[in-house]
C-alpha cells in the first residue's frame, strides 16, 4: 500500500512540476542559450548626442556586445561639426550631468576625424560588457589638448 501511495505522490508532483514549468516562461537569455542564437538586441544601448555650449552638433552612438560576447562594440556618428576637427571621445560611467570615469580604458578609443562636410564616424571595441545595472554616457571632446571642453554628449539608454 505504501508503494502505491508513494507512486501516486510522485506522479502528482511530476504533473504539478510540469504544469508550473509550462506556465512559467523561461528568461529570454536562457531561451537564447538553449536555442544557441546568441545575445539579444535587447542588450543594445543607444544615445542621441547633443551639442554642448551652444554648438549645433548632433549625432548617435550605439553600443552592443561584441560577437565574442567578451566586450562591447561602440559606433558613433556626428553631424554639423567643424570640418577637419579631430575629436577624442569615450564612453563614461554616469551621465552627461553626473560625470564618471572612462569605461574600458582611454586607449581603446581612436579619435574621430571630421570630414569636410562636418560629419564624423568612428568605432571602438572596449574589453568590457556594459552592465545592465549601471548608467553610461558618450562624450565627444574638443581636442586632446582640451579634454575638459565637451563638444557633444549623450546618455546611453537600453533599447
Protein backbone atom coordinates (compact mmCIF):
# COMPACT_ATOMS: atom_id res chain seq x y z
CA UNK A 1 0.00 0.00 0.00
CA UNK A 2 2.86 2.41 0.83
CA UNK A 3 4.39 1.78 -2.59
CA UNK A 4 1.09 2.69 -4.27
CA UNK A 5 0.82 5.92 -2.22
CA UNK A 6 4.46 6.82 -2.92
CA UNK A 7 3.99 6.21 -6.64
CA UNK A 8 0.79 8.27 -6.67
CA UNK A 9 2.50 11.11 -4.77
CA UNK A 10 5.45 11.12 -7.19
CA UNK A 11 3.05 11.18 -10.14
CA UNK A 12 1.19 14.17 -8.68
CA UNK A 13 4.46 16.02 -8.02
CA UNK A 14 5.60 15.33 -11.58
CA UNK A 15 2.32 16.62 -13.04
CA UNK A 16 2.40 19.74 -10.83
CA UNK A 17 6.04 20.46 -11.70
CA UNK A 18 5.39 20.02 -15.41
CA UNK A 19 2.39 22.36 -15.21
CA UNK A 20 4.44 25.01 -13.42
CA UNK A 21 7.28 24.76 -15.91
CA UNK A 22 4.87 25.07 -18.83
CA UNK A 23 3.14 28.07 -17.24
CA UNK A 24 6.32 29.98 -16.34
CA UNK A 25 8.23 31.30 -19.36
CA UNK A 26 11.98 30.91 -19.38
CA UNK A 27 14.08 34.06 -19.16
CA UNK A 28 14.99 35.30 -22.65
CA UNK A 29 18.73 34.81 -22.07
CA UNK A 30 18.15 31.18 -21.11
CA UNK A 31 15.99 30.60 -24.18
CA UNK A 32 18.68 32.16 -26.41
CA UNK A 33 21.37 29.94 -24.86
CA UNK A 34 19.19 26.86 -25.28
CA UNK A 35 18.49 27.76 -28.91
CA UNK A 36 22.15 28.73 -29.45
CA UNK A 37 21.17 32.07 -31.00
CA UNK A 38 23.50 34.38 -29.07
CA UNK A 39 22.81 37.65 -27.29
CA UNK A 40 19.59 39.55 -27.85
CA UNK A 41 19.31 43.00 -29.38
CA UNK A 42 17.70 43.89 -26.06
CA UNK A 43 21.24 44.25 -24.72
CA UNK A 44 21.92 47.11 -27.18
CA UNK A 45 22.35 50.68 -25.99
CA UNK A 46 21.93 53.93 -27.89
CA UNK A 47 22.37 57.64 -27.25
CA UNK A 48 21.32 60.79 -29.02
CA UNK A 49 24.34 63.10 -28.99
CA UNK A 50 23.53 66.76 -28.41
CA UNK A 51 25.88 69.72 -28.88
CA UNK A 52 27.14 71.46 -25.76
CA UNK A 53 27.96 75.10 -25.11
CA UNK A 54 25.74 76.36 -27.95
CA UNK A 55 27.14 74.03 -30.63
CA UNK A 56 24.78 72.80 -33.36
CA UNK A 57 26.43 69.36 -33.38
CA UNK A 58 24.27 66.24 -33.21
CA UNK A 59 24.79 62.53 -33.58
CA UNK A 60 24.10 59.00 -32.48
CA UNK A 61 26.05 56.43 -30.51
CA UNK A 62 25.22 52.71 -30.45
CA UNK A 63 26.77 50.08 -28.18
CA UNK A 64 26.26 46.32 -28.23
CA UNK A 65 28.04 43.19 -27.10
CA UNK A 66 30.90 42.20 -29.38
CA UNK A 67 30.42 38.98 -31.40
CA UNK A 68 32.58 37.01 -28.95
CA UNK A 69 30.47 38.30 -26.02
CA UNK A 70 33.55 39.47 -24.11
CA UNK A 71 33.47 43.17 -24.93
CA UNK A 72 31.35 45.99 -26.28
CA UNK A 73 31.35 47.38 -29.83
CA UNK A 74 30.55 51.09 -29.99
CA UNK A 75 29.90 53.19 -33.07
CA UNK A 76 29.46 56.96 -33.15
CA UNK A 77 28.31 59.32 -35.88
CA UNK A 78 28.41 63.09 -35.65
CA UNK A 79 26.95 65.82 -37.90
CA UNK A 80 27.34 69.59 -38.05
CA UNK A 81 30.83 69.72 -36.59
CA UNK A 82 33.88 71.73 -37.64
CA UNK A 83 35.38 70.30 -40.85
CA UNK A 84 38.83 68.83 -40.28
CA UNK A 85 38.50 68.66 -36.47
CA UNK A 86 39.88 65.65 -34.61
CA UNK A 87 37.65 64.69 -31.68
CA UNK A 88 38.66 62.38 -28.85
CA UNK A 89 35.64 60.51 -27.46
CA UNK A 90 34.84 57.94 -24.79
CA UNK A 91 32.08 56.05 -23.05
CA UNK A 92 31.98 57.08 -19.40
CA UNK A 93 30.14 55.73 -16.38
CA UNK A 94 27.47 58.06 -15.05
CA UNK A 95 25.54 60.60 -17.13
CA UNK A 96 26.07 63.84 -19.02
CA UNK A 97 25.12 65.70 -15.83
CA UNK A 98 26.97 63.40 -13.39
CA UNK A 99 30.44 62.70 -14.77
CA UNK A 100 32.23 59.41 -14.25
CA UNK A 101 35.37 57.64 -15.43
CA UNK A 102 36.17 56.28 -18.88
CA UNK A 103 34.87 52.74 -19.41
CA UNK A 104 37.28 50.20 -20.90
CA UNK A 105 40.38 52.40 -20.80
CA UNK A 106 41.06 55.52 -22.88
CA UNK A 107 43.44 53.68 -25.23
CA UNK A 108 40.54 51.63 -26.63
CA UNK A 109 39.14 54.75 -28.33
CA UNK A 110 40.59 56.22 -31.53
CA UNK A 111 39.88 59.89 -32.12
CA UNK A 112 37.17 60.78 -34.62
CA UNK A 113 38.20 62.83 -37.67
CA UNK A 114 35.51 65.15 -39.01
CA UNK A 115 35.29 65.30 -42.83
CA UNK A 116 34.90 68.44 -44.97
CA UNK A 117 31.11 68.20 -44.73
CA UNK A 118 31.28 68.34 -40.93
CA UNK A 119 30.49 64.64 -40.41
CA UNK A 120 32.44 62.18 -38.32
CA UNK A 121 32.24 58.42 -37.85
CA UNK A 122 34.23 56.17 -35.58
CA UNK A 123 34.13 52.81 -33.85
CA UNK A 124 35.75 51.16 -30.86
CA UNK A 125 35.65 47.83 -29.09
CA UNK A 126 36.20 48.01 -25.38
CA UNK A 127 37.23 44.92 -23.39
CA UNK A 128 34.25 45.04 -21.01
CA UNK A 129 30.49 44.48 -21.24
CA UNK A 130 28.21 47.33 -20.21
CA UNK A 131 26.37 46.32 -17.03
CA UNK A 132 22.58 46.43 -17.02
CA UNK A 133 22.66 47.96 -13.54
CA UNK A 134 24.88 50.94 -14.40
CA UNK A 135 24.47 54.13 -16.40
CA UNK A 136 26.76 55.35 -19.17
CA UNK A 137 27.20 58.30 -21.48
CA UNK A 138 29.27 59.23 -24.54
CA UNK A 139 31.38 62.39 -24.53
CA UNK A 140 32.87 63.98 -27.64
CA UNK A 141 35.79 66.16 -26.51
CA UNK A 142 37.14 69.32 -28.18
CA UNK A 143 40.72 68.05 -28.67
CA UNK A 144 43.43 66.06 -26.90
CA UNK A 145 44.71 69.40 -25.59
CA UNK A 146 41.21 70.49 -24.46
CA UNK A 147 39.62 67.36 -22.96
CA UNK A 148 37.62 69.44 -20.49
CA UNK A 149 35.63 71.07 -23.31
CA UNK A 150 32.74 68.85 -24.36
CA UNK A 151 31.54 69.27 -27.96
CA UNK A 152 28.60 66.81 -27.62
CA UNK A 153 27.23 64.38 -25.05
CA UNK A 154 24.54 61.71 -24.92
CA UNK A 155 23.28 59.35 -22.22
CA UNK A 156 23.26 55.72 -23.32
CA UNK A 157 19.84 54.11 -22.86
CA UNK A 158 18.93 50.44 -23.09
CA UNK A 159 16.93 49.64 -26.21
